[in-house]
Amino acid sequence: MVPTLSELSYGQKAIIKEFTTNLPNVKLLEMGCLPGNEVELVQVAPLKDPIYFIINGAHIALRKSVAQQIEIDLL
């Protein structure tokens, strides 16, 4: 099983590999959530949703359901 963004630990870094869905959300792509970009988990909200990441220097909050659709390679 390939790890996803939702499985990162605090401060852990990874490289975005691909999306599990055929058509990724255009808004995600515009925010820099592209294959090959580095991502780091910064914080998880108290109720475990949303999850805050740094992707290419930008702070982005993603719902857990969206983060589960993004496959990664751990660094």
PDB file of N, CA and C in Angstrom:
ATOM      1  N   MET A   1       0.837  -1.183   0.000  1.00  0.00           N
ATOM      2  CA  MET A   1       0.000   0.000   0.000  1.00  0.00           C
ATOM      3  C   MET A   1       0.885   1.250   0.000  1.00  0.00           C
ATOM      4  N   VAL A   2       0.584   2.184  -0.856  1.00  0.00           N
ATOM      5  CA  VAL A   2       1.361   3.414  -1.004  1.00  0.00           C
ATOM      6  C   VAL A   2       0.895   4.432   0.042  1.00  0.00           C
ATOM      7  N   PRO A   3       1.832   5.089   0.749  1.00  0.00           N
ATOM      8  CA  PRO A   3       1.434   6.083   1.753  1.00  0.00           C
ATOM      9  C   PRO A   3       0.789   7.313   1.104  1.00  0.00           C
ATOM     10  N   THR A   4      -0.067   7.976   1.861  1.00  0.00           N
ATOM     11  CA  THR A   4      -0.736   9.191   1.395  1.00  0.00           C
ATOM     12  C   THR A   4      -0.405  10.348   2.326  1.00  0.00           C
ATOM     13  N   LEU A   5      -0.775  11.550   1.926  1.00  0.00           N
ATOM     14  CA  LEU A   5      -0.509  12.743   2.734  1.00  0.00           C
ATOM     15  C   LEU A   5      -1.122  12.644   4.125  1.00  0.00           C
ATOM     16  N   SER A   6      -2.250  11.974   4.245  1.00  0.00           N
ATOM     17  CA  SER A   6      -2.931  11.888   5.539  1.00  0.00           C
ATOM     18  C   SER A   6      -2.157  11.041   6.549  1.00  0.00           C
ATOM     19  N   GLU A   7      -1.140  10.297   6.107  1.00  0.00           N
ATOM     20  CA  GLU A   7      -0.384   9.407   6.980  1.00  0.00           C
ATOM     21  C   GLU A   7       0.938  10.016   7.473  1.00  0.00           C
ATOM     22  N   LEU A   8       1.232  11.254   7.070  1.00  0.00           N
ATOM     23  CA  LEU A   8       2.473  11.894   7.521  1.00  0.00           C
ATOM     24  C   LEU A   8       2.418  12.200   9.012  1.00  0.00           C
ATOM     25  N   SER A   9       3.570  12.233   9.650  1.00  0.00           N
ATOM     26  CA  SER A   9       3.699  12.629  11.051  1.00  0.00           C
ATOM     27  C   SER A   9       4.187  14.075  11.106  1.00  0.00           C
ATOM     28  N   TYR A  10       4.068  14.709  12.291  1.00  0.00           N
ATOM     29  CA  TYR A  10       4.504  16.101  12.445  1.00  0.00           C
ATOM     30  C   TYR A  10       5.950  16.278  12.000  1.00  0.00           C
ATOM     31  N   GLY A  11       6.183  17.269  11.149  1.00  0.00           N
ATOM     32  CA  GLY A  11       7.528  17.590  10.699  1.00  0.00           C
ATOM     33  C   GLY A  11       8.082  16.668   9.630  1.00  0.00           C
ATOM     34  N   GLN A  12       7.359  15.620   9.296  1.00  0.00           N
ATOM     35  CA  GLN A  12       7.837  14.667   8.289  1.00  0.00           C
ATOM     36  C   GLN A  12       7.668  15.264   6.895  1.00  0.00           C
ATOM     37  N   LYS A  13       8.627  14.982   6.036  1.00  0.00           N
ATOM     38  CA  LYS A  13       8.594  15.502   4.670  1.00  0.00           C
ATOM     39  C   LYS A  13       8.426  14.367   3.672  1.00  0.00           C
ATOM     40  N   ALA A  14       7.873  14.718   2.515  1.00  0.00           N
ATOM     41  CA  ALA A  14       7.641  13.735   1.456  1.00  0.00           C
ATOM     42  C   ALA A  14       7.592  14.459   0.114  1.00  0.00           C
ATOM     43  N   ILE A  15       7.600  13.674  -0.937  1.00  0.00           N
ATOM     44  CA  ILE A  15       7.434  14.181  -2.302  1.00  0.00           C
ATOM     45  C   ILE A  15       6.102  13.663  -2.827  1.00  0.00           C
ATOM     46  N   ILE A  16       5.324  14.553  -3.418  1.00  0.00           N
ATOM     47  CA  ILE A  16       4.040  14.136  -3.987  1.00  0.00           C
ATOM     48  C   ILE A  16       4.319  13.240  -5.186  1.00  0.00           C
ATOM     49  N   LYS A  17       3.689  12.084  -5.196  1.00  0.00           N
ATOM     50  CA  LYS A  17       3.911  11.096  -6.247  1.00  0.00           C
ATOM     51  C   LYS A  17       2.830  11.185  -7.317  1.00  0.00           C
ATOM     52  N   GLU A  18       1.566  10.993  -6.920  1.00  0.00           N
ATOM     53  CA  GLU A  18       0.454  11.053  -7.863  1.00  0.00           C
ATOM     54  C   GLU A  18      -0.857  11.115  -7.099  1.00  0.00           C
ATOM     55  N   PHE A  19      -1.936  11.310  -7.831  1.00  0.00           N
ATOM     56  CA  PHE A  19      -3.271  11.356  -7.253  1.00  0.00           C
ATOM     57  C   PHE A  19      -3.959  10.006  -7.478  1.00  0.00           C
ATOM     58  N   THR A  20      -4.734   9.560  -6.483  1.00  0.00           N
ATOM     59  CA  THR A  20      -5.422   8.277  -6.627  1.00  0.00           C
ATOM     60  C   THR A  20      -6.651   8.408  -7.517  1.00  0.00           C
ATOM     61  N   THR A  21      -7.152   9.624  -7.693  1.00  0.00           N
ATOM     62  CA  THR A  21      -8.292   9.839  -8.583  1.00  0.00           C
ATOM     63  C   THR A  21      -7.769  10.212  -9.965  1.00  0.00           C
ATOM     64  N   ASN A  22      -8.550   9.930 -10.985  1.00  0.00           N
ATOM     65  CA  ASN A  22      -8.118  10.214 -12.353  1.00  0.00           C
ATOM     66  C   ASN A  22      -8.033  11.710 -12.638  1.00  0.00           C
ATOM     67  N   LEU A  23      -8.958  12.493 -12.070  1.00  0.00           N
ATOM     68  CA  LEU A  23      -8.977  13.922 -12.321  1.00  0.00           C
ATOM     69  C   LEU A  23      -8.780  14.687 -11.014  1.00  0.00           C
ATOM     70  N   PRO A  24      -7.554  15.105 -10.710  1.00  0.00           N
ATOM     71  CA  PRO A  24      -7.329  15.856  -9.466  1.00  0.00           C
ATOM     72  C   PRO A  24      -8.040  17.203  -9.504  1.00  0.00           C
ATOM     73  N   ASN A  25      -8.348  17.721  -8.336  1.00  0.00           N
ATOM     74  CA  ASN A  25      -8.998  19.009  -8.198  1.00  0.00           C
ATOM     75  C   ASN A  25      -8.091  20.098  -8.777  1.00  0.00           C
ATOM     76  N   VAL A  26      -8.626  20.911  -9.673  1.00  0.00           N
ATOM     77  CA  VAL A  26      -7.849  21.974 -10.320  1.00  0.00           C
ATOM     78  C   VAL A  26      -7.313  22.953  -9.278  1.00  0.00           C
ATOM     79  N   LYS A  27      -8.098  23.206  -8.230  1.00  0.00           N
ATOM     80  CA  LYS A  27      -7.671  24.130  -7.185  1.00  0.00           C
ATOM     81  C   LYS A  27      -6.409  23.622  -6.488  1.00  0.00           C
ATOM     82  N   LEU A  28      -6.317  22.309  -6.282  1.00  0.00           N
ATOM     83  CA  LEU A  28      -5.111  21.726  -5.686  1.00  0.00           C
ATOM     84  C   LEU A  28      -3.902  21.973  -6.570  1.00  0.00           C
ATOM     85  N   LEU A  29      -4.063  21.782  -7.851  1.00  0.00           N
ATOM     86  CA  LEU A  29      -2.963  21.995  -8.788  1.00  0.00           C
ATOM     87  C   LEU A  29      -2.525  23.456  -8.791  1.00  0.00           C
ATOM     88  N   GLU A  30      -3.493  24.374  -8.727  1.00  0.00           N
ATOM     89  CA  GLU A  30      -3.173  25.796  -8.712  1.00  0.00           C
ATOM     90  C   GLU A  30      -2.425  26.205  -7.441  1.00  0.00           C
ATOM     91  N   MET A  31      -2.676  25.503  -6.331  1.00  0.00           N
ATOM     92  CA  MET A  31      -2.010  25.806  -5.067  1.00  0.00           C
ATOM     93  C   MET A  31      -0.620  25.188  -4.985  1.00  0.00           C
ATOM     94  N   GLY A  32      -0.205  24.454  -6.015  1.00  0.00           N
ATOM     95  CA  GLY A  32       1.139  23.886  -6.030  1.00  0.00           C
ATOM     96  C   GLY A  32       1.211  22.432  -5.624  1.00  0.00           C
ATOM     97  N   CYS A  33       0.085  21.802  -5.493  1.00  0.00           N
ATOM     98  CA  CYS A  33       0.039  20.394  -5.098  1.00  0.00           C
ATOM     99  C   CYS A  33       0.229  19.530  -6.353  1.00  0.00           C
ATOM    100  N   LEU A  34       1.459  19.525  -6.850  1.00  0.00           N
ATOM    101  CA  LEU A  34       1.784  18.834  -8.096  1.00  0.00           C
ATOM    102  C   LEU A  34       2.753  17.697  -7.838  1.00  0.00           C
ATOM    103  N   PRO A  35       2.692  16.649  -8.645  1.00  0.00           N
ATOM    104  CA  PRO A  35       3.678  15.563  -8.507  1.00  0.00           C
ATOM    105  C   PRO A  35       5.097  16.114  -8.618  1.00  0.00           C
ATOM    106  N   GLY A  36       5.960  15.667  -7.709  1.00  0.00           N
ATOM    107  CA  GLY A  36       7.348  16.116  -7.684  1.00  0.00           C
ATOM    108  C   GLY A  36       7.619  17.208  -6.671  1.00  0.00           C
ATOM    109  N   ASN A  37       6.583  17.850  -6.153  1.00  0.00           N
ATOM    110  CA  ASN A  37       6.772  18.911  -5.164  1.00  0.00           C
ATOM    111  C   ASN A  37       6.934  18.337  -3.766  1.00  0.00           C
ATOM    112  N   GLU A  38       7.748  19.028  -2.962  1.00  0.00           N
ATOM    113  CA  GLU A  38       7.984  18.600  -1.577  1.00  0.00           C
ATOM    114  C   GLU A  38       6.870  19.109  -0.671  1.00  0.00           C
ATOM    115  N   VAL A  39       6.465  18.283   0.277  1.00  0.00           N
ATOM    116  CA  VAL A  39       5.406  18.635   1.219  1.00  0.00           C
ATOM    117  C   VAL A  39       5.856  18.264   2.634  1.00  0.00           C
ATOM    118  N   GLU A  40       5.458  19.094   3.613  1.00  0.00           N
ATOM    119  CA  GLU A  40       5.788  18.839   5.013  1.00  0.00           C
ATOM    120  C   GLU A  40       4.534  19.043   5.857  1.00  0.00           C
ATOM    121  N   LEU A  41       4.270  18.120   6.780  1.00  0.00           N
ATOM    122  CA  LEU A  41       3.136  18.250   7.688  1.00  0.00           C
ATOM    123  C   LEU A  41       3.506  19.222   8.797  1.00  0.00           C
ATOM    124  N   VAL A  42       2.673  20.248   8.998  1.00  0.00           N
ATOM    125  CA  VAL A  42       2.933  21.271   9.993  1.00  0.00           C
ATOM    126  C   VAL A  42       2.057  21.074  11.230  1.00  0.00           C
ATOM    127  N   GLN A  43       0.758  20.841  11.007  1.00  0.00           N
ATOM    128  CA  GLN A  43      -0.168  20.786  12.130  1.00  0.00           C
ATOM    129  C   GLN A  43      -1.423  20.024  11.729  1.00  0.00           C
ATOM    130  N   VAL A  44      -2.058  19.409  12.726  1.00  0.00           N
ATOM    131  CA  VAL A  44      -3.348  18.750  12.528  1.00  0.00           C
ATOM    132  C   VAL A  44      -4.342  19.440  13.451  1.00  0.00           C
ATOM    133  N   ALA A  45      -5.510  19.797  12.937  1.00  0.00           N
ATOM    134  CA  ALA A  45      -6.526  20.467  13.745  1.00  0.00           C
ATOM    135  C   ALA A  45      -6.985  19.550  14.885  1.00  0.00           C
ATOM    136  N   PRO A  46      -7.534  20.128  15.953  1.00  0.00           N
ATOM    137  CA  PRO A  46      -7.934  19.336  17.122  1.00  0.00           C
ATOM    138  C   PRO A  46      -8.853  18.148  16.820  1.00  0.00           C
ATOM    139  N   LEU A  47      -9.730  18.274  15.860  1.00  0.00           N
ATOM    140  CA  LEU A  47     -10.633  17.171  15.522  1.00  0.00           C
ATOM    141  C   LEU A  47     -10.104  16.348  14.346  1.00  0.00           C
ATOM    142  N   LYS A  48      -8.785  16.450  14.085  1.00  0.00           N
ATOM    143  CA  LYS A  48      -8.082  15.685  13.039  1.00  0.00           C
ATOM    144  C   LYS A  48      -8.450  16.107  11.617  1.00  0.00           C
ATOM    145  N   ASP A  49      -9.134  17.222  11.467  1.00  0.00           N
ATOM    146  CA  ASP A  49      -9.515  17.687  10.140  1.00  0.00           C
ATOM    147  C   ASP A  49      -9.765  19.179  10.212  1.00  0.00           C
ATOM    148  N   PRO A  50      -9.123  20.036   9.434  1.00  0.00           N
ATOM    149  CA  PRO A  50      -8.193  19.776   8.348  1.00  0.00           C
ATOM    150  C   PRO A  50      -6.766  19.522   8.838  1.00  0.00           C
ATOM    151  N   ILE A  51      -5.905  19.265   7.860  1.00  0.00           N
ATOM    152  CA  ILE A  51      -4.487  19.022   8.100  1.00  0.00           C
ATOM    153  C   ILE A  51      -3.717  20.144   7.395  1.00  0.00           C
ATOM    154  N   TYR A  52      -2.721  20.720   8.076  1.00  0.00           N
ATOM    155  CA  TYR A  52      -1.965  21.850   7.523  1.00  0.00           C
ATOM    156  C   TYR A  52      -0.599  21.393   7.022  1.00  0.00           C
ATOM    157  N   PHE A  53      -0.304  21.774   5.789  1.00  0.00           N
ATOM    158  CA  PHE A  53       0.947  21.384   5.135  1.00  0.00           C
ATOM    159  C   PHE A  53       1.681  22.610   4.631  1.00  0.00           C
ATOM    160  N   ILE A  54       2.989  22.444   4.405  1.00  0.00           N
ATOM    161  CA  ILE A  54       3.760  23.417   3.633  1.00  0.00           C
ATOM    162  C   ILE A  54       4.103  22.710   2.328  1.00  0.00           C
ATOM    163  N   ILE A  55       3.622  23.288   1.232  1.00  0.00           N
ATOM    164  CA  ILE A  55       3.894  22.731  -0.092  1.00  0.00           C
ATOM    165  C   ILE A  55       4.570  23.829  -0.909  1.00  0.00           C
ATOM    166  N   ASN A  56       5.830  23.605  -1.247  1.00  0.00           N
ATOM    167  CA  ASN A  56       6.623  24.601  -1.985  1.00  0.00           C
ATOM    168  C   ASN A  56       6.594  25.968  -1.321  1.00  0.00           C
ATOM    169  N   GLY A  57       6.694  26.004   0.006  1.00  0.00           N
ATOM    170  CA  GLY A  57       6.741  27.262   0.732  1.00  0.00           C
ATOM    171  C   GLY A  57       5.396  27.879   1.054  1.00  0.00           C
ATOM    172  N   ALA A  58       4.310  27.328   0.550  1.00  0.00           N
ATOM    173  CA  ALA A  58       2.969  27.847   0.823  1.00  0.00           C
ATOM    174  C   ALA A  58       2.291  26.999   1.894  1.00  0.00           C
ATOM    175  N   HIS A  59       1.623  27.655   2.841  1.00  0.00           N
ATOM    176  CA  HIS A  59       0.874  26.958   3.877  1.00  0.00           C
ATOM    177  C   HIS A  59      -0.516  26.638   3.340  1.00  0.00           C
ATOM    178  N   ILE A  60      -0.864  25.355   3.340  1.00  0.00           N
ATOM    179  CA  ILE A  60      -2.125  24.907   2.763  1.00  0.00           C
ATOM    180  C   ILE A  60      -2.829  23.976   3.736  1.00  0.00           C
ATOM    181  N   ALA A  61      -4.129  24.181   3.922  1.00  0.00           N
ATOM    182  CA  ALA A  61      -4.943  23.293   4.754  1.00  0.00           C
ATOM    183  C   ALA A  61      -5.785  22.421   3.825  1.00  0.00           C
ATOM    184  N   LEU A  62      -5.721  21.117   4.058  1.00  0.00           N
ATOM    185  CA  LEU A  62      -6.487  20.171   3.248  1.00  0.00           C
ATOM    186  C   LEU A  62      -7.358  19.314   4.153  1.00  0.00           C
ATOM    187  N   ARG A  63      -8.539  18.986   3.679  1.00  0.00           N
ATOM    188  CA  ARG A  63      -9.371  18.033   4.402  1.00  0.00           C
ATOM    189  C   ARG A  63      -8.683  16.673   4.367  1.00  0.00           C
ATOM    190  N   LYS A  64      -8.939  15.886   5.381  1.00  0.00           N
ATOM    191  CA  LYS A  64      -8.321  14.568   5.462  1.00  0.00           C
ATOM    192  C   LYS A  64      -8.725  13.706   4.273  1.00  0.00           C
ATOM    193  N   SER A  65      -9.965  13.817   3.828  1.00  0.00           N
ATOM    194  CA  SER A  65     -10.443  13.021   2.689  1.00  0.00           C
ATOM    195  C   SER A  65      -9.683  13.367   1.407  1.00  0.00           C
ATOM    196  N   VAL A  66      -9.292  14.625   1.253  1.00  0.00           N
ATOM    197  CA  VAL A  66      -8.510  15.043   0.084  1.00  0.00           C
ATOM    198  C   VAL A  66      -7.075  14.555   0.226  1.00  0.00           C
ATOM    199  N   ALA A  67      -6.508  14.684   1.437  1.00  0.00           N
ATOM    200  CA  ALA A  67      -5.130  14.250   1.675  1.00  0.00           C
ATOM    201  C   ALA A  67      -4.972  12.748   1.440  1.00  0.00           C
ATOM    202  N   GLN A  68      -6.025  11.980   1.653  1.00  0.00           N
ATOM    203  CA  GLN A  68      -5.973  10.537   1.431  1.00  0.00           C
ATOM    204  C   GLN A  68      -5.909  10.178  -0.048  1.00  0.00           C
ATOM    205  N   GLN A  69      -6.178  11.126  -0.928  1.00  0.00           N
ATOM    206  CA  GLN A  69      -6.158  10.889  -2.366  1.00  0.00           C
ATOM    207  C   GLN A  69      -4.823  11.234  -3.010  1.00  0.00           C
ATOM    208  N   ILE A  70      -3.852  11.715  -2.207  1.00  0.00           N
ATOM    209  CA  ILE A  70      -2.563  12.144  -2.745  1.00  0.00           C
ATOM    210  C   ILE A  70      -1.480  11.173  -2.260  1.00  0.00           C
ATOM    211  N   GLU A  71      -0.931  10.410  -3.180  1.00  0.00           N
ATOM    212  CA  GLU A  71       0.121   9.450  -2.852  1.00  0.00           C
ATOM    213  C   GLU A  71       1.460  10.164  -2.776  1.00  0.00           C
ATOM    214  N   ILE A  72       2.332   9.672  -1.875  1.00  0.00           N
ATOM    215  CA  ILE A  72       3.618  10.327  -1.628  1.00  0.00           C
ATOM    216  C   ILE A  72       4.753   9.308  -1.568  1.00  0.00           C
ATOM    217  N   ASP A  73       5.967   9.818  -1.696  1.00  0.00           N
ATOM    218  CA  ASP A  73       7.201   9.082  -1.418  1.00  0.00           C
ATOM    219  C   ASP A  73       7.825   9.764  -0.224  1.00  0.00           C
ATOM    220  N   LEU A  74       8.031   9.037   0.868  1.00  0.00           N
ATOM    221  CA  LEU A  74       8.600   9.616   2.077  1.00  0.00           C
ATOM    222  C   LEU A  74      10.067   9.962   1.887  1.00  0.00           C
ATOM    223  N   LEU A  75      10.511  11.031   2.530  1.00  0.00           N
ATOM    224  CA  LEU A  75      11.924  11.428   2.497  1.00  0.00           C
ATOM    225  C   LEU A  75      12.607  10.958   3.757  1.00  0.00           C
TER     226      LEU A  75
END
